[in-house]
Amino acid sequence: MNRLAFVVVTLILGIPLAAAQDASRLTLEQAISIGKDRSNTLRASQARARVSDARANEVDAALLPSVKVDASYRRLSNVPSFSVALPIPGFTPIAVFPNIPDNYVLHASVQQPLFTGFRLSSNAKAAELQSEAGQLDVRNDETDLIIQITSAYWGLYQSREVKRSIDENVTSLETYERDVHNLMNAGMATRNDLLRIQVQLSNARLGQIDAANDMQVAEMSLNLALGRPVNTPVEIASQPRGIVDTAVGTSAGLLASALTRRPDIAAMQSRIDASRAGVTAANAGWWPQLSLAANYYYSNPNQRFLPAMKQWNDSWDVGVQLQWDVWNWGTTKAQAEQAEAGLEANQAVFDQMKQNVALEVERTSLAAARAAQKVEVAKLGVAQAEENSRIMGDKFRSGLATSSELLDANVALLQARTNLTGSLAEQEITAVRLQKALGVLR
């Protein structure tokens, strides 16, 4: 098909050209990589982390000397000049404050906090810890995204395998239908046998329609998780491993690992430490504030030179400033109480998170072990159902089994294959959930 024909067919079918060209065979790892690159949720989380980083840099800057430069010009109204005359013959009066309407000032200042009651250092520590928490939030959101993509990926795998099993079942029933026609002609089957198989075949074809719809929805869900157009064709490249090692240790060991490795736990610990630093910063109001300041002036006229002259002169000053807020009607106390209450709230949330993690670790480890057991049972069930279906088919064609027995074997085989597909997908998903619960998912 040439390019023009391809475009025409694409437009006729109502499929966006970009989506049609983007058809790809994806492994699970490739799908996760695409999802990370295109996720709006992850991009928003990364932006919030950059905000925290910038905030930390802003607060750190308050610890360093601040340098400011300003310039001004003022036009003053004309006023009588103030002169001093001495009663000495021939002495010319001195203009102490002459009328100089044009005033220019260039000013540079340097200010360095010397002691702020630990406010600046505590604020800097709190901002740095909040920045660390933001980075950990990004990691936690990444693991959530991996879980979402993994679930959608294996959900699509499961829906397609179920559709394939139903298609095979329809093909088998169509074969049975032809066999019954032949057996009826030979007088070895009744019309009721044929009707029973035809009803089962009609139900299977209805199941085909539902399976096709489920497969399309699953594909749309995966594309949505990947940040791609929902109708982008996807071909599954990865296959379930079948055997997943879930022997990861004792419950106590799993919990200890989770509490030290999980990014959400580490982020909450950083926020608690930041709250402690915030309490110290709030209590800084009880202490005096000491700072060093220096100024340089280049002015015309310079007010420190007398008599005032219409010319440029420079001057400077250096000093230390002490400020103590002796009474502020309980403002400092209220700020300290707010900070302490915030710390207490964060600690309570942290304690609840650790309890939730303990439950999650226990639940996911049990689910992973159960999923592995279900796979083994499902494999055995498929093997038994396939053999039973083969035997019943041979017996039915030989007139040794009824159509009901044949259909029961057929339904059992379809159910066994569906169970195996679901168990394989569940095993892959629970394995990843266990990794997230333990904080080892990357």
Protein backbone atom coordinates (compact mmCIF):
# COMPACT_ATOMS: atom_id res chain seq x y z
CA MET A 1 0.00 0.00 0.00
CA ASN A 2 1.51 3.33 -0.98
CA ARG A 3 1.51 6.33 1.34
CA LEU A 4 -1.48 8.06 -0.30
CA ALA A 5 -3.62 4.95 -0.07
CA PHE A 6 -2.56 4.51 3.55
CA VAL A 7 -3.65 8.04 4.41
CA VAL A 8 -6.99 7.57 2.62
CA VAL A 9 -7.74 4.31 4.43
CA THR A 10 -6.75 5.91 7.71
CA LEU A 11 -9.13 8.82 7.19
CA ILE A 12 -11.96 6.53 6.08
CA LEU A 13 -11.62 4.35 9.15
CA GLY A 14 -11.58 7.43 11.37
CA ILE A 15 -8.21 6.57 12.89
CA PRO A 16 -5.84 9.49 13.49
CA LEU A 17 -2.83 9.26 11.19
CA ALA A 18 -0.34 9.81 14.01
CA ALA A 19 -1.91 6.99 16.04
CA ALA A 20 -1.86 4.61 13.08
CA GLN A 21 1.79 5.33 12.40
CA ASP A 22 2.60 4.93 16.10
CA ALA A 23 1.64 1.24 16.14
CA SER A 24 4.39 -0.52 18.07
CA ARG A 25 5.40 -3.76 19.67
CA LEU A 26 6.03 -2.89 23.30
CA THR A 27 7.74 -4.77 26.07
CA LEU A 28 6.70 -3.92 29.61
CA GLU A 29 9.99 -2.07 30.15
CA GLN A 30 9.45 0.02 27.02
CA ALA A 31 5.89 0.82 28.09
CA ILE A 32 7.12 2.01 31.50
CA SER A 33 9.79 4.17 29.86
CA ILE A 34 7.23 5.79 27.55
CA GLY A 35 4.86 6.35 30.45
CA LYS A 36 7.55 8.09 32.51
CA ASP A 37 8.40 10.39 29.61
CA ARG A 38 4.80 11.36 28.93
CA SER A 39 3.09 11.27 32.32
CA ASN A 40 1.43 14.56 33.27
CA THR A 41 1.22 13.42 36.88
CA LEU A 42 4.95 12.74 37.01
CA ARG A 43 5.73 16.02 35.27
CA ALA A 44 3.66 17.90 37.84
CA SER A 45 5.45 16.06 40.66
CA GLN A 46 8.84 16.96 39.19
CA ALA A 47 7.77 20.60 38.89
CA ARG A 48 6.75 20.65 42.57
CA ALA A 49 10.15 19.20 43.45
CA ARG A 50 11.84 22.00 41.51
CA VAL A 51 9.73 24.51 43.44
CA SER A 52 11.01 23.00 46.69
CA ASP A 53 14.59 23.14 45.43
CA ALA A 54 14.22 26.77 44.47
CA ARG A 55 12.67 27.55 47.84
CA ALA A 56 15.63 25.93 49.59
CA ASN A 57 18.05 28.02 47.54
CA GLU A 58 16.04 31.13 48.38
CA VAL A 59 16.16 30.45 52.10
CA ASP A 60 19.89 29.62 52.00
CA ALA A 61 20.54 33.01 50.42
CA ALA A 62 19.25 34.73 53.57
CA LEU A 63 22.31 33.41 55.44
CA LEU A 64 24.67 35.30 53.12
CA PRO A 65 25.45 39.01 52.98
CA SER A 66 22.92 41.03 50.99
CA VAL A 67 24.25 43.77 48.72
CA LYS A 68 21.95 46.45 47.39
CA VAL A 69 22.59 49.39 45.11
CA ASP A 70 20.18 52.23 44.49
CA ALA A 71 20.25 55.66 42.89
CA SER A 72 17.92 58.64 43.15
CA TYR A 73 17.40 62.10 41.82
CA ARG A 74 15.24 64.76 43.45
CA ARG A 75 14.34 68.24 42.30
CA LEU A 76 13.85 70.51 45.30
CA SER A 77 11.93 73.73 45.37
CA ASN A 78 13.93 76.93 45.61
CA VAL A 79 14.43 78.21 49.16
CA PRO A 80 16.45 81.10 50.55
CA SER A 81 20.06 80.21 51.13
CA PHE A 82 21.17 80.10 54.77
CA SER A 83 24.41 81.99 55.29
CA VAL A 84 26.50 82.84 58.33
CA ALA A 85 28.14 86.28 58.57
CA LEU A 86 30.71 87.20 61.18
CA PRO A 87 31.20 90.79 62.46
CA ILE A 88 34.67 90.93 61.00
CA PRO A 89 35.58 93.61 58.52
CA GLY A 90 36.07 92.18 55.05
CA PHE A 91 34.68 88.71 56.00
CA THR A 92 32.54 87.23 53.29
CA PRO A 93 29.33 85.53 54.51
CA ILE A 94 29.50 81.72 54.38
CA ALA A 95 26.56 79.90 52.75
CA VAL A 96 26.06 76.97 55.14
CA PHE A 97 22.94 75.66 53.38
CA PRO A 98 22.90 77.10 49.86
CA ASN A 99 19.95 76.62 47.56
CA ILE A 100 20.84 73.47 45.54
CA PRO A 101 17.64 72.25 43.85
CA ASP A 102 19.21 69.27 42.04
CA ASN A 103 20.10 66.38 44.38
CA TYR A 104 21.78 63.14 43.22
CA VAL A 105 22.49 60.11 45.39
CA LEU A 106 24.26 56.83 44.59
CA HIS A 107 23.97 54.38 47.48
CA ALA A 108 25.40 50.87 48.08
CA SER A 109 24.71 48.86 51.23
CA VAL A 110 25.84 45.52 52.65
CA GLN A 111 23.99 43.73 55.44
CA GLN A 112 24.95 40.48 57.17
CA PRO A 113 22.86 38.81 59.89
CA LEU A 114 25.06 37.86 62.83
CA PHE A 115 22.53 36.24 65.15
CA THR A 116 18.82 35.65 64.50
CA GLY A 117 17.92 33.30 67.32
CA PHE A 118 18.62 30.36 64.96
CA ARG A 119 15.74 31.42 62.73
CA LEU A 120 17.69 31.59 59.46
CA SER A 121 19.63 28.36 59.99
CA SER A 122 16.46 26.53 61.05
CA ASN A 123 14.52 27.85 58.07
CA ALA A 124 17.35 26.77 55.77
CA LYS A 125 17.38 23.28 57.30
CA ALA A 126 13.59 23.00 57.02
CA ALA A 127 13.65 24.11 53.38
CA GLU A 128 16.39 21.61 52.56
CA LEU A 129 14.40 18.80 54.17
CA GLN A 130 11.28 19.83 52.28
CA SER A 131 13.33 19.73 49.09
CA GLU A 132 14.46 16.19 49.93
CA ALA A 133 10.84 15.25 50.57
CA GLY A 134 9.88 16.65 47.17
CA GLN A 135 12.48 14.49 45.42
CA LEU A 136 11.24 11.44 47.32
CA ASP A 137 7.68 12.29 46.28
CA VAL A 138 8.83 12.09 42.66
CA ARG A 139 10.23 8.62 43.29
CA ASN A 140 7.01 7.55 44.98
CA ASP A 141 4.93 8.89 42.09
CA GLU A 142 7.18 6.99 39.70
CA THR A 143 6.45 3.73 41.51
CA ASP A 144 2.72 4.49 41.43
CA LEU A 145 3.01 5.08 37.69
CA ILE A 146 4.88 1.79 37.24
CA ILE A 147 2.08 -0.02 39.08
CA GLN A 148 -0.53 1.68 36.89
CA ILE A 149 1.26 0.83 33.65
CA THR A 150 2.04 -2.72 34.76
CA SER A 151 -1.60 -3.35 35.68
CA ALA A 152 -2.80 -1.92 32.37
CA TYR A 153 -0.17 -3.87 30.40
CA TRP A 154 -1.04 -7.24 31.90
CA GLY A 155 -4.72 -6.34 31.77
CA LEU A 156 -4.36 -5.99 27.98
CA TYR A 157 -2.43 -9.26 27.86
CA GLN A 158 -5.17 -10.99 29.82
CA SER A 159 -8.00 -9.62 27.67
CA ARG A 160 -6.22 -10.70 24.49
CA GLU A 161 -5.49 -14.18 25.80
CA VAL A 162 -9.12 -14.54 26.89
CA LYS A 163 -10.22 -13.40 23.42
CA ARG A 164 -7.87 -15.96 21.83
CA SER A 165 -9.24 -18.73 24.07
CA ILE A 166 -12.81 -17.79 23.19
CA ASP A 167 -11.91 -17.75 19.49
CA GLU A 168 -10.45 -21.25 19.83
CA ASN A 169 -13.57 -22.32 21.69
CA VAL A 170 -15.77 -21.00 18.87
CA THR A 171 -13.63 -22.87 16.35
CA SER A 172 -13.97 -26.08 18.38
CA LEU A 173 -17.74 -25.66 18.64
CA GLU A 174 -18.00 -25.08 14.91
CA THR A 175 -16.08 -28.32 14.41
CA TYR A 176 -18.44 -30.10 16.81
CA GLU A 177 -21.38 -28.70 14.89
CA ARG A 178 -20.07 -30.22 11.65
CA ASP A 179 -19.35 -33.51 13.43
CA VAL A 180 -22.92 -33.65 14.77
CA HIS A 181 -24.30 -33.10 11.27
CA ASN A 182 -22.25 -36.07 10.11
CA LEU A 183 -23.34 -38.17 13.07
CA MET A 184 -26.98 -37.27 12.43
CA ASN A 185 -26.63 -38.44 8.86
CA ALA A 186 -25.21 -41.69 10.23
CA GLY A 187 -28.03 -41.96 12.76
CA MET A 188 -25.68 -41.61 15.70
CA ALA A 189 -26.89 -38.19 16.96
CA THR A 190 -30.21 -36.48 17.41
CA ARG A 191 -31.42 -33.03 16.43
CA ASN A 192 -31.45 -32.14 20.12
CA ASP A 193 -27.69 -32.77 20.20
CA LEU A 194 -27.26 -30.39 17.29
CA LEU A 195 -29.45 -27.71 18.89
CA ARG A 196 -27.56 -27.99 22.16
CA ILE A 197 -24.24 -27.38 20.41
CA GLN A 198 -25.68 -24.55 18.32
CA VAL A 199 -26.96 -22.79 21.46
CA GLN A 200 -23.53 -23.17 23.03
CA LEU A 201 -21.96 -21.84 19.82
CA SER A 202 -24.27 -18.79 19.86
CA ASN A 203 -23.33 -18.05 23.46
CA ALA A 204 -19.64 -18.41 22.60
CA ARG A 205 -20.01 -15.94 19.74
CA LEU A 206 -21.66 -13.48 22.10
CA GLY A 207 -18.70 -13.99 24.40
CA GLN A 208 -16.46 -13.19 21.45
CA ILE A 209 -18.12 -9.79 21.10
CA ASP A 210 -17.75 -9.01 24.80
CA ALA A 211 -14.12 -10.18 24.76
CA ALA A 212 -13.37 -7.94 21.77
CA ASN A 213 -14.88 -4.97 23.61
CA ASP A 214 -12.92 -5.78 26.76
CA MET A 215 -9.73 -6.02 24.72
CA GLN A 216 -10.36 -2.61 23.13
CA VAL A 217 -11.05 -1.00 26.52
CA ALA A 218 -7.89 -2.58 27.95
CA GLU A 219 -5.84 -1.21 25.05
CA MET A 220 -7.32 2.24 25.58
CA SER A 221 -6.49 2.05 29.29
CA LEU A 222 -2.87 1.18 28.55
CA ASN A 223 -2.54 4.01 26.02
CA LEU A 224 -4.04 6.40 28.55
CA ALA A 225 -1.50 5.31 31.16
CA LEU A 226 1.26 5.84 28.56
CA GLY A 227 0.04 9.34 27.70
CA ARG A 228 -0.67 8.34 24.08
CA PRO A 229 -3.83 8.64 21.94
CA VAL A 230 -6.26 6.04 23.26
CA ASN A 231 -6.74 4.38 19.85
CA THR A 232 -3.02 3.80 19.25
CA PRO A 233 -2.53 0.13 18.30
CA VAL A 234 -0.41 -1.79 20.79
CA GLU A 235 1.18 -5.19 20.39
CA ILE A 236 2.19 -6.96 23.58
CA ALA A 237 5.80 -8.17 23.41
CA SER A 238 6.39 -9.38 26.99
CA GLN A 239 5.06 -12.66 28.32
CA PRO A 240 4.38 -13.68 31.92
CA ARG A 241 7.36 -15.33 33.53
CA GLY A 242 5.23 -18.12 34.92
CA ILE A 243 7.54 -18.59 37.92
CA VAL A 244 8.13 -15.61 40.23
CA ASP A 245 10.19 -15.91 43.40
CA THR A 246 8.11 -14.60 46.29
CA ALA A 247 10.24 -15.99 49.13
CA VAL A 248 11.52 -12.65 50.36
CA GLY A 249 11.89 -13.22 54.09
CA THR A 250 10.00 -13.02 57.36
CA SER A 251 7.26 -10.50 58.07
CA ALA A 252 9.47 -8.62 60.51
CA GLY A 253 12.29 -8.50 58.00
CA LEU A 254 9.97 -7.33 55.23
CA LEU A 255 8.58 -4.54 57.38
CA ALA A 256 12.03 -3.39 58.46
CA SER A 257 13.11 -3.29 54.81
CA ALA A 258 10.03 -1.36 53.79
CA LEU A 259 10.43 1.27 56.52
CA THR A 260 14.01 1.98 55.46
CA ARG A 261 13.55 1.85 51.68
CA ARG A 262 10.12 3.23 50.83
CA PRO A 263 10.27 6.77 49.40
CA ASP A 264 6.94 7.83 50.92
CA ILE A 265 8.15 6.87 54.40
CA ALA A 266 11.45 8.68 53.85
CA ALA A 267 9.58 11.74 52.55
CA MET A 268 7.37 11.84 55.64
CA GLN A 269 10.41 11.50 57.91
CA SER A 270 11.99 14.49 56.13
CA ARG A 271 8.81 16.50 56.66
CA ILE A 272 8.84 15.66 60.38
CA ASP A 273 12.46 16.80 60.65
CA ALA A 274 11.50 19.96 58.76
CA SER A 275 8.68 20.54 61.26
CA ARG A 276 11.16 20.25 64.14
CA ALA A 277 13.35 22.86 62.46
CA GLY A 278 10.23 24.97 62.04
CA VAL A 279 9.60 24.83 65.79
CA THR A 280 13.14 26.14 66.41
CA ALA A 281 12.59 28.91 63.85
CA ALA A 282 9.29 29.90 65.49
CA ASN A 283 10.99 30.16 68.90
CA ALA A 284 13.58 32.54 67.43
CA GLY A 285 11.22 35.40 68.29
CA TRP A 286 12.25 35.09 71.93
CA TRP A 287 15.86 35.98 71.06
CA PRO A 288 17.43 39.33 70.12
CA GLN A 289 18.41 39.87 66.49
CA LEU A 290 21.90 41.14 65.68
CA SER A 291 23.13 42.26 62.27
CA LEU A 292 26.07 44.06 60.70
CA ALA A 293 25.42 46.85 58.16
CA ALA A 294 27.68 48.99 55.97
CA ASN A 295 26.73 51.83 53.60
CA TYR A 296 28.55 53.81 50.93
CA TYR A 297 27.21 57.09 49.53
CA TYR A 298 28.31 59.07 46.50
CA SER A 299 26.13 62.19 46.47
CA ASN A 300 25.79 65.62 44.99
CA PRO A 301 25.49 67.38 47.37
CA ASN A 302 26.62 65.07 50.16
CA GLN A 303 24.74 66.06 53.33
CA ARG A 304 27.66 65.14 55.56
CA PHE A 305 29.84 67.85 54.04
CA LEU A 306 29.38 71.38 55.39
CA PRO A 307 28.95 73.80 54.02
CA ALA A 308 26.87 72.02 51.36
CA MET A 309 28.43 72.25 47.93
CA LYS A 310 27.17 71.48 44.48
CA GLN A 311 29.72 68.75 43.83
CA TRP A 312 30.14 64.96 44.14
CA ASN A 313 31.53 63.62 47.44
CA ASP A 314 31.61 60.12 48.90
CA SER A 315 31.08 58.92 52.48
CA TRP A 316 30.52 55.65 54.28
CA ASP A 317 29.38 54.13 57.57
CA VAL A 318 29.64 50.74 59.31
CA GLY A 319 27.60 49.67 62.30
CA VAL A 320 25.99 46.87 64.31
CA GLN A 321 22.26 46.79 64.95
CA LEU A 322 20.57 45.02 67.85
CA GLN A 323 16.82 44.47 67.79
CA TRP A 324 14.77 42.71 70.43
CA ASP A 325 11.03 42.30 70.22
CA VAL A 326 10.35 42.62 73.94
CA TRP A 327 6.54 42.55 73.79
CA ASN A 328 4.33 41.58 70.85
CA TRP A 329 1.13 40.53 72.61
CA GLY A 330 1.83 36.79 72.43
CA THR A 331 2.63 36.62 68.72
CA THR A 332 5.83 34.60 69.26
CA LYS A 333 4.07 32.21 71.62
CA ALA A 334 1.26 31.66 69.14
CA GLN A 335 3.73 31.01 66.31
CA ALA A 336 5.60 28.48 68.44
CA GLU A 337 2.35 26.72 69.37
CA GLN A 338 1.38 26.51 65.68
CA ALA A 339 4.73 24.99 64.78
CA GLU A 340 4.54 22.46 67.62
CA ALA A 341 1.00 21.47 66.65
CA GLY A 342 2.13 21.00 63.04
CA LEU A 343 4.95 18.75 64.22
CA GLU A 344 2.53 16.71 66.32
CA ALA A 345 0.15 16.32 63.36
CA ASN A 346 2.95 15.17 61.07
CA GLN A 347 4.14 12.69 63.66
CA ALA A 348 0.63 11.25 63.98
CA VAL A 349 0.39 10.90 60.19
CA PHE A 350 3.79 9.22 60.15
CA ASP A 351 2.77 6.72 62.82
CA GLN A 352 -0.38 5.91 60.85
CA MET A 353 1.64 5.51 57.65
CA LYS A 354 3.92 2.97 59.34
CA GLN A 355 0.88 0.97 60.47
CA ASN A 356 -0.51 1.09 56.93
CA VAL A 357 2.82 -0.04 55.53
CA ALA A 358 2.88 -3.01 57.89
CA LEU A 359 -0.56 -4.02 56.66
CA GLU A 360 0.35 -3.45 53.02
CA VAL A 361 3.53 -5.52 53.26
CA GLU A 362 1.70 -8.40 54.92
CA ARG A 363 -1.20 -8.25 52.47
CA THR A 364 0.92 -8.00 49.31
CA SER A 365 3.34 -10.74 50.41
CA LEU A 366 0.39 -13.08 51.03
CA ALA A 367 -1.17 -12.06 47.71
CA ALA A 368 2.08 -12.73 45.85
CA ALA A 369 2.44 -16.17 47.42
CA ARG A 370 -1.20 -16.98 46.72
CA ALA A 371 -0.86 -15.82 43.09
CA ALA A 372 2.12 -18.15 42.57
CA GLN A 373 0.11 -21.05 43.97
CA LYS A 374 -2.85 -20.19 41.76
CA VAL A 375 -0.63 -20.31 38.67
CA GLU A 376 0.51 -23.84 39.48
CA VAL A 377 -3.06 -24.98 40.14
CA ALA A 378 -4.29 -23.29 36.96
CA LYS A 379 -1.58 -24.96 34.86
CA LEU A 380 -2.61 -28.34 36.20
CA GLY A 381 -6.26 -27.48 35.54
CA VAL A 382 -5.52 -26.61 31.90
CA ALA A 383 -3.61 -29.84 31.37
CA GLN A 384 -6.48 -31.86 32.85
CA ALA A 385 -9.14 -29.94 30.93
CA GLU A 386 -7.28 -30.31 27.62
CA GLU A 387 -6.95 -34.04 28.10
CA ASN A 388 -10.59 -34.38 29.19
CA SER A 389 -11.75 -32.34 26.18
CA ARG A 390 -9.70 -34.51 23.81
CA ILE A 391 -11.07 -37.72 25.31
CA MET A 392 -14.68 -36.48 25.25
CA GLY A 393 -14.30 -35.37 21.63
CA ASP A 394 -13.08 -38.81 20.61
CA LYS A 395 -15.83 -40.51 22.61
CA PHE A 396 -18.51 -38.25 21.16
CA ARG A 397 -17.43 -38.96 17.60
CA SER A 398 -17.48 -42.67 18.46
CA GLY A 399 -20.92 -42.40 19.99
CA LEU A 400 -19.65 -43.15 23.48
CA ALA A 401 -20.36 -39.72 25.01
CA THR A 402 -23.36 -37.42 24.94
CA SER A 403 -23.40 -33.87 23.62
CA SER A 404 -23.87 -32.62 27.19
CA GLU A 405 -20.65 -34.31 28.28
CA LEU A 406 -18.84 -32.90 25.28
CA LEU A 407 -20.07 -29.36 25.98
CA ASP A 408 -19.25 -29.64 29.67
CA ALA A 409 -15.68 -30.60 28.76
CA ASN A 410 -15.53 -27.69 26.33
CA VAL A 411 -16.73 -25.19 28.93
CA ALA A 412 -14.31 -26.59 31.51
CA LEU A 413 -11.41 -26.16 29.08
CA LEU A 414 -12.36 -22.56 28.33
CA GLN A 415 -12.69 -21.80 32.04
CA ALA A 416 -9.33 -23.46 32.81
CA ARG A 417 -7.54 -21.44 30.15
CA THR A 418 -9.21 -18.24 31.35
CA ASN A 419 -8.18 -19.03 34.92
CA LEU A 420 -4.57 -19.59 33.88
CA THR A 421 -4.43 -16.34 31.94
CA GLY A 422 -5.88 -14.42 34.88
CA SER A 423 -3.51 -16.13 37.33
CA LEU A 424 -0.44 -15.31 35.23
CA ALA A 425 -1.45 -11.66 34.93
CA GLU A 426 -2.28 -11.49 38.65
CA GLN A 427 1.09 -12.98 39.53
CA GLU A 428 2.98 -10.34 37.55
CA ILE A 429 0.95 -7.50 39.04
CA THR A 430 1.18 -8.73 42.64
CA ALA A 431 4.94 -9.23 42.26
CA VAL A 432 5.33 -5.58 41.28
CA ARG A 433 3.00 -4.46 44.08
CA LEU A 434 5.13 -6.41 46.55
CA GLN A 435 8.25 -4.66 45.25
CA LYS A 436 6.55 -1.30 45.76
CA ALA A 437 5.42 -2.26 49.26
CA LEU A 438 9.00 -3.19 50.13
CA GLY A 439 10.43 -0.04 48.59
CA VAL A 440 12.59 -1.88 46.05
CA LEU A 441 10.63 -1.02 42.91
CA ARG A 442 12.66 1.03 40.41
